[in-house]
Amino acid sequence: MLLNVIVQPEKFVEIGEVLAGELGIAAGEKVRVRSKRGHIDAVAVVTKRLRPLQVDGRTVHQVGIPIHWGFTGVAKKAHLTNTLTPFVGDGNTQTPEFKSFLVNVEKP
């Protein structure tokens, strides 16, 4: 755990280069990730790994946020990612839908 904290001491959101360029966000900048349920503040990690998708003729971007970044431990404290997530689930399996949800990324 300590090595991870040395490499990345703050909660982060991974943003593709294209989306970061569109929003004017540079690597290492503070960003706010907002959903209808709340927001979290994090550090932008700009990456080539996340590329825009084409869905039904529209460009869709994805971001990555670690779910298990907590409010205790040796890392800098941060709000839980579940602050953003909906409390809904699949009616057949009763599995919560905490892994995929809509957000906006912006400069605070």
N, C-alpha and C. Protein backbone atom coordinates (compact mmCIF):
# COMPACT_ATOMS: atom_id res chain seq x y z
N MET A 1 0.82 -1.19 0.00
CA MET A 1 0.00 0.00 0.00
C MET A 1 0.86 1.25 0.00
N LEU A 2 1.92 1.27 0.78
CA LEU A 2 2.74 2.47 0.86
C LEU A 2 3.34 2.84 -0.49
N LEU A 3 3.79 1.86 -1.27
CA LEU A 3 4.35 2.15 -2.59
C LEU A 3 3.29 2.79 -3.48
N ASN A 4 2.05 2.30 -3.44
CA ASN A 4 0.97 2.90 -4.23
C ASN A 4 0.75 4.35 -3.85
N VAL A 5 0.81 4.65 -2.57
CA VAL A 5 0.60 6.02 -2.10
C VAL A 5 1.74 6.92 -2.55
N ILE A 6 2.93 6.42 -2.63
CA ILE A 6 4.06 7.21 -3.11
C ILE A 6 3.85 7.55 -4.59
N VAL A 7 3.42 6.58 -5.37
CA VAL A 7 3.22 6.79 -6.80
C VAL A 7 2.01 7.68 -7.07
N GLN A 8 0.92 7.47 -6.37
CA GLN A 8 -0.32 8.24 -6.58
C GLN A 8 -0.94 8.56 -5.23
N PRO A 9 -0.53 9.66 -4.59
CA PRO A 9 -0.98 9.96 -3.23
C PRO A 9 -2.40 10.52 -3.12
N GLU A 10 -2.99 10.93 -4.25
CA GLU A 10 -4.33 11.53 -4.20
C GLU A 10 -5.31 10.77 -5.08
N LYS A 11 -6.57 10.89 -4.73
CA LYS A 11 -7.63 10.31 -5.56
C LYS A 11 -7.50 10.89 -6.96
N PHE A 12 -7.71 10.05 -7.96
CA PHE A 12 -7.53 10.51 -9.34
C PHE A 12 -8.68 10.05 -10.21
N VAL A 13 -8.79 10.72 -11.35
CA VAL A 13 -9.72 10.30 -12.40
C VAL A 13 -8.89 10.20 -13.67
N GLU A 14 -9.00 9.06 -14.32
CA GLU A 14 -8.26 8.82 -15.55
C GLU A 14 -9.11 9.34 -16.71
N ILE A 15 -8.52 10.24 -17.52
CA ILE A 15 -9.23 10.90 -18.61
C ILE A 15 -8.44 10.70 -19.89
N GLY A 16 -9.13 10.33 -20.96
CA GLY A 16 -8.48 10.17 -22.25
C GLY A 16 -7.95 11.50 -22.78
N GLU A 17 -6.91 11.43 -23.62
CA GLU A 17 -6.29 12.64 -24.16
C GLU A 17 -7.28 13.50 -24.94
N VAL A 18 -8.16 12.87 -25.70
CA VAL A 18 -9.11 13.64 -26.52
C VAL A 18 -10.06 14.44 -25.63
N LEU A 19 -10.65 13.79 -24.62
CA LEU A 19 -11.56 14.48 -23.71
C LEU A 19 -10.82 15.57 -22.94
N ALA A 20 -9.63 15.27 -22.46
CA ALA A 20 -8.85 16.27 -21.72
C ALA A 20 -8.57 17.48 -22.61
N GLY A 21 -8.25 17.24 -23.87
CA GLY A 21 -8.02 18.35 -24.80
C GLY A 21 -9.27 19.18 -25.02
N GLU A 22 -10.41 18.52 -25.17
CA GLU A 22 -11.67 19.23 -25.37
C GLU A 22 -12.03 20.09 -24.16
N LEU A 23 -11.70 19.61 -22.96
CA LEU A 23 -12.05 20.32 -21.73
C LEU A 23 -10.95 21.26 -21.24
N GLY A 24 -9.79 21.24 -21.90
CA GLY A 24 -8.67 22.08 -21.48
C GLY A 24 -8.06 21.65 -20.16
N ILE A 25 -8.03 20.35 -19.94
CA ILE A 25 -7.50 19.80 -18.69
C ILE A 25 -6.13 19.19 -18.95
N ALA A 26 -5.15 19.55 -18.12
CA ALA A 26 -3.80 19.01 -18.22
C ALA A 26 -3.57 17.97 -17.13
N ALA A 27 -2.65 17.07 -17.38
CA ALA A 27 -2.30 16.05 -16.39
C ALA A 27 -1.86 16.73 -15.10
N GLY A 28 -2.36 16.22 -13.98
CA GLY A 28 -2.00 16.74 -12.67
C GLY A 28 -2.90 17.84 -12.16
N GLU A 29 -3.78 18.36 -13.01
CA GLU A 29 -4.70 19.42 -12.56
C GLU A 29 -5.83 18.83 -11.72
N LYS A 30 -6.35 19.65 -10.83
CA LYS A 30 -7.53 19.25 -10.04
C LYS A 30 -8.75 19.36 -10.94
N VAL A 31 -9.63 18.37 -10.84
CA VAL A 31 -10.89 18.38 -11.58
C VAL A 31 -12.01 18.01 -10.62
N ARG A 32 -13.21 18.34 -11.02
CA ARG A 32 -14.40 17.94 -10.28
C ARG A 32 -15.19 17.00 -11.18
N VAL A 33 -15.58 15.86 -10.63
CA VAL A 33 -16.41 14.90 -11.34
C VAL A 33 -17.78 14.97 -10.69
N ARG A 34 -18.80 15.26 -11.50
CA ARG A 34 -20.13 15.53 -10.97
C ARG A 34 -21.16 14.61 -11.62
N SER A 35 -22.04 14.09 -10.78
CA SER A 35 -23.21 13.36 -11.27
C SER A 35 -24.44 14.01 -10.65
N LYS A 36 -25.61 13.48 -10.94
CA LYS A 36 -26.84 14.02 -10.34
C LYS A 36 -26.87 13.78 -8.84
N ARG A 37 -26.01 12.90 -8.33
CA ARG A 37 -26.03 12.53 -6.93
C ARG A 37 -25.01 13.26 -6.07
N GLY A 38 -24.04 13.91 -6.70
CA GLY A 38 -23.02 14.59 -5.93
C GLY A 38 -21.78 14.84 -6.77
N HIS A 39 -20.68 15.16 -6.12
CA HIS A 39 -19.42 15.37 -6.83
C HIS A 39 -18.25 14.93 -5.97
N ILE A 40 -17.14 14.67 -6.66
CA ILE A 40 -15.87 14.41 -5.99
C ILE A 40 -14.82 15.27 -6.66
N ASP A 41 -13.77 15.61 -5.94
CA ASP A 41 -12.63 16.31 -6.49
C ASP A 41 -11.48 15.33 -6.57
N ALA A 42 -10.73 15.42 -7.67
CA ALA A 42 -9.65 14.46 -7.90
C ALA A 42 -8.57 15.11 -8.77
N VAL A 43 -7.48 14.40 -8.95
CA VAL A 43 -6.39 14.82 -9.82
C VAL A 43 -6.58 14.15 -11.18
N ALA A 44 -6.41 14.91 -12.25
CA ALA A 44 -6.55 14.36 -13.60
C ALA A 44 -5.30 13.56 -13.99
N VAL A 45 -5.51 12.33 -14.40
CA VAL A 45 -4.46 11.52 -15.00
C VAL A 45 -4.84 11.36 -16.46
N VAL A 46 -4.14 12.09 -17.34
CA VAL A 46 -4.45 12.07 -18.76
C VAL A 46 -3.71 10.90 -19.40
N THR A 47 -4.44 10.09 -20.16
CA THR A 47 -3.88 8.85 -20.67
C THR A 47 -4.30 8.58 -22.12
N LYS A 48 -3.50 7.80 -22.80
CA LYS A 48 -3.83 7.33 -24.15
C LYS A 48 -4.73 6.09 -24.08
N ARG A 49 -4.86 5.50 -22.91
CA ARG A 49 -5.59 4.23 -22.78
C ARG A 49 -7.08 4.37 -23.03
N LEU A 50 -7.66 5.53 -22.73
CA LEU A 50 -9.09 5.73 -22.91
C LEU A 50 -9.33 6.52 -24.18
N ARG A 51 -9.96 5.87 -25.14
CA ARG A 51 -10.24 6.52 -26.42
C ARG A 51 -11.74 6.73 -26.56
N PRO A 52 -12.14 7.76 -27.31
CA PRO A 52 -13.57 7.98 -27.52
C PRO A 52 -14.21 6.81 -28.26
N LEU A 53 -15.46 6.56 -27.93
CA LEU A 53 -16.25 5.52 -28.59
C LEU A 53 -17.25 6.19 -29.51
N GLN A 54 -17.63 5.51 -30.57
CA GLN A 54 -18.71 5.97 -31.44
C GLN A 54 -19.91 5.08 -31.15
N VAL A 55 -20.98 5.67 -30.62
CA VAL A 55 -22.18 4.93 -30.27
C VAL A 55 -23.36 5.58 -30.98
N ASP A 56 -23.95 4.85 -31.90
CA ASP A 56 -25.11 5.35 -32.64
C ASP A 56 -24.82 6.70 -33.28
N GLY A 57 -23.61 6.83 -33.84
CA GLY A 57 -23.22 8.05 -34.52
C GLY A 57 -22.78 9.19 -33.62
N ARG A 58 -22.72 8.97 -32.34
CA ARG A 58 -22.31 10.01 -31.38
C ARG A 58 -21.01 9.62 -30.71
N THR A 59 -20.21 10.62 -30.37
CA THR A 59 -18.97 10.37 -29.64
C THR A 59 -19.26 10.30 -28.15
N VAL A 60 -18.79 9.23 -27.54
CA VAL A 60 -18.99 9.01 -26.11
C VAL A 60 -17.62 8.81 -25.47
N HIS A 61 -17.37 9.53 -24.37
CA HIS A 61 -16.11 9.41 -23.65
C HIS A 61 -16.33 8.61 -22.37
N GLN A 62 -15.29 7.91 -21.95
CA GLN A 62 -15.30 7.20 -20.67
C GLN A 62 -14.22 7.81 -19.79
N VAL A 63 -14.44 7.76 -18.48
CA VAL A 63 -13.39 8.11 -17.52
C VAL A 63 -13.28 6.96 -16.54
N GLY A 64 -12.14 6.86 -15.91
CA GLY A 64 -11.92 5.81 -14.91
C GLY A 64 -11.68 6.42 -13.55
N ILE A 65 -12.40 5.92 -12.56
CA ILE A 65 -12.25 6.41 -11.18
C ILE A 65 -12.09 5.21 -10.27
N PRO A 66 -11.05 5.17 -9.44
CA PRO A 66 -10.92 4.03 -8.53
C PRO A 66 -12.08 4.01 -7.53
N ILE A 67 -12.72 2.88 -7.42
CA ILE A 67 -13.87 2.73 -6.52
C ILE A 67 -13.39 2.67 -5.06
N HIS A 68 -12.27 2.03 -4.81
CA HIS A 68 -11.86 1.74 -3.43
C HIS A 68 -10.87 2.75 -2.87
N TRP A 69 -11.00 4.01 -3.25
CA TRP A 69 -10.17 5.05 -2.64
C TRP A 69 -10.91 5.53 -1.42
N GLY A 70 -10.35 5.35 -0.27
CA GLY A 70 -11.10 5.58 0.95
C GLY A 70 -10.84 6.89 1.63
N PHE A 71 -11.39 6.99 2.81
CA PHE A 71 -11.25 8.19 3.62
C PHE A 71 -10.36 7.94 4.83
N THR A 72 -9.75 6.75 4.89
CA THR A 72 -8.79 6.46 5.96
C THR A 72 -7.55 5.85 5.34
N GLY A 73 -6.47 5.83 6.09
CA GLY A 73 -5.23 5.23 5.60
C GLY A 73 -4.16 6.27 5.41
N VAL A 74 -3.09 5.91 4.70
CA VAL A 74 -1.95 6.81 4.54
C VAL A 74 -2.09 7.73 3.34
N ALA A 75 -2.98 7.43 2.41
CA ALA A 75 -3.20 8.31 1.25
C ALA A 75 -3.96 9.56 1.71
N LYS A 76 -3.93 10.59 0.86
CA LYS A 76 -4.71 11.80 1.17
C LYS A 76 -6.18 11.44 1.17
N LYS A 77 -6.90 11.99 2.11
CA LYS A 77 -8.32 11.66 2.28
C LYS A 77 -9.12 12.17 1.07
N ALA A 78 -10.18 11.43 0.72
CA ALA A 78 -11.03 11.81 -0.42
C ALA A 78 -12.41 11.22 -0.24
N HIS A 79 -13.39 11.83 -0.90
CA HIS A 79 -14.74 11.29 -0.88
C HIS A 79 -14.78 9.97 -1.65
N LEU A 80 -15.62 9.09 -1.22
CA LEU A 80 -15.78 7.80 -1.90
C LEU A 80 -16.42 8.00 -3.27
N THR A 81 -16.02 7.20 -4.24
CA THR A 81 -16.59 7.27 -5.58
C THR A 81 -18.08 6.98 -5.56
N ASN A 82 -18.54 6.18 -4.62
CA ASN A 82 -19.97 5.86 -4.55
C ASN A 82 -20.82 7.09 -4.24
N THR A 83 -20.18 8.22 -3.92
CA THR A 83 -20.90 9.48 -3.81
C THR A 83 -21.61 9.79 -5.13
N LEU A 84 -21.04 9.32 -6.24
CA LEU A 84 -21.56 9.61 -7.58
C LEU A 84 -22.54 8.57 -8.10
N THR A 85 -22.54 7.39 -7.52
CA THR A 85 -23.23 6.25 -8.13
C THR A 85 -24.72 6.20 -7.81
N PRO A 86 -25.50 5.64 -8.74
CA PRO A 86 -26.94 5.47 -8.50
C PRO A 86 -27.18 4.25 -7.61
N PHE A 87 -28.23 4.31 -6.83
CA PHE A 87 -28.61 3.17 -6.01
C PHE A 87 -29.72 2.41 -6.69
N VAL A 88 -29.38 1.86 -7.85
CA VAL A 88 -30.32 1.03 -8.62
C VAL A 88 -29.61 -0.26 -8.96
N GLY A 89 -30.37 -1.22 -9.42
CA GLY A 89 -29.74 -2.49 -9.77
C GLY A 89 -30.56 -3.26 -10.77
N ASP A 90 -30.00 -4.34 -11.20
CA ASP A 90 -30.66 -5.23 -12.14
C ASP A 90 -31.77 -5.99 -11.42
N GLY A 91 -32.98 -5.91 -11.95
CA GLY A 91 -34.13 -6.54 -11.30
C GLY A 91 -34.06 -8.05 -11.26
N ASN A 92 -33.35 -8.65 -12.22
CA ASN A 92 -33.27 -10.11 -12.26
C ASN A 92 -32.20 -10.67 -11.33
N THR A 93 -31.05 -10.01 -11.29
CA THR A 93 -29.94 -10.55 -10.49
C THR A 93 -29.76 -9.84 -9.15
N GLN A 94 -30.46 -8.72 -8.96
CA GLN A 94 -30.34 -7.91 -7.75
C GLN A 94 -28.91 -7.39 -7.56
N THR A 95 -28.18 -7.20 -8.68
CA THR A 95 -26.82 -6.69 -8.64
C THR A 95 -26.84 -5.17 -8.75
N PRO A 96 -26.23 -4.44 -7.82
CA PRO A 96 -26.22 -2.98 -7.92
C PRO A 96 -25.43 -2.50 -9.14
N GLU A 97 -25.81 -1.36 -9.65
CA GLU A 97 -25.17 -0.80 -10.84
C GLU A 97 -24.18 0.29 -10.41
N PHE A 98 -23.13 -0.10 -9.69
CA PHE A 98 -22.17 0.86 -9.19
C PHE A 98 -20.96 1.05 -10.09
N LYS A 99 -20.88 0.34 -11.20
CA LYS A 99 -19.68 0.40 -12.03
C LYS A 99 -19.81 1.29 -13.25
N SER A 100 -21.03 1.66 -13.63
CA SER A 100 -21.22 2.43 -14.85
C SER A 100 -22.32 3.47 -14.61
N PHE A 101 -21.98 4.75 -14.81
CA PHE A 101 -22.94 5.82 -14.56
C PHE A 101 -22.46 7.07 -15.29
N LEU A 102 -23.35 8.03 -15.47
CA LEU A 102 -23.05 9.26 -16.21
C LEU A 102 -22.48 10.32 -15.29
N VAL A 103 -21.42 10.99 -15.78
CA VAL A 103 -20.81 12.09 -15.03
C VAL A 103 -20.37 13.19 -16.00
N ASN A 104 -20.11 14.35 -15.44
CA ASN A 104 -19.45 15.44 -16.13
C ASN A 104 -18.12 15.68 -15.43
N VAL A 105 -17.10 16.01 -16.21
CA VAL A 105 -15.79 16.35 -15.66
C VAL A 105 -15.56 17.83 -15.97
N GLU A 106 -15.14 18.58 -14.95
CA GLU A 106 -14.94 20.01 -15.14
C GLU A 106 -13.83 20.51 -14.24
N LYS A 107 -13.33 21.69 -14.56
CA LYS A 107 -12.38 22.33 -13.66
C LYS A 107 -13.18 22.97 -12.52
N PRO A 108 -12.71 22.83 -11.28
CA PRO A 108 -13.47 23.41 -10.14
C PRO A 108 -13.42 24.92 -10.13
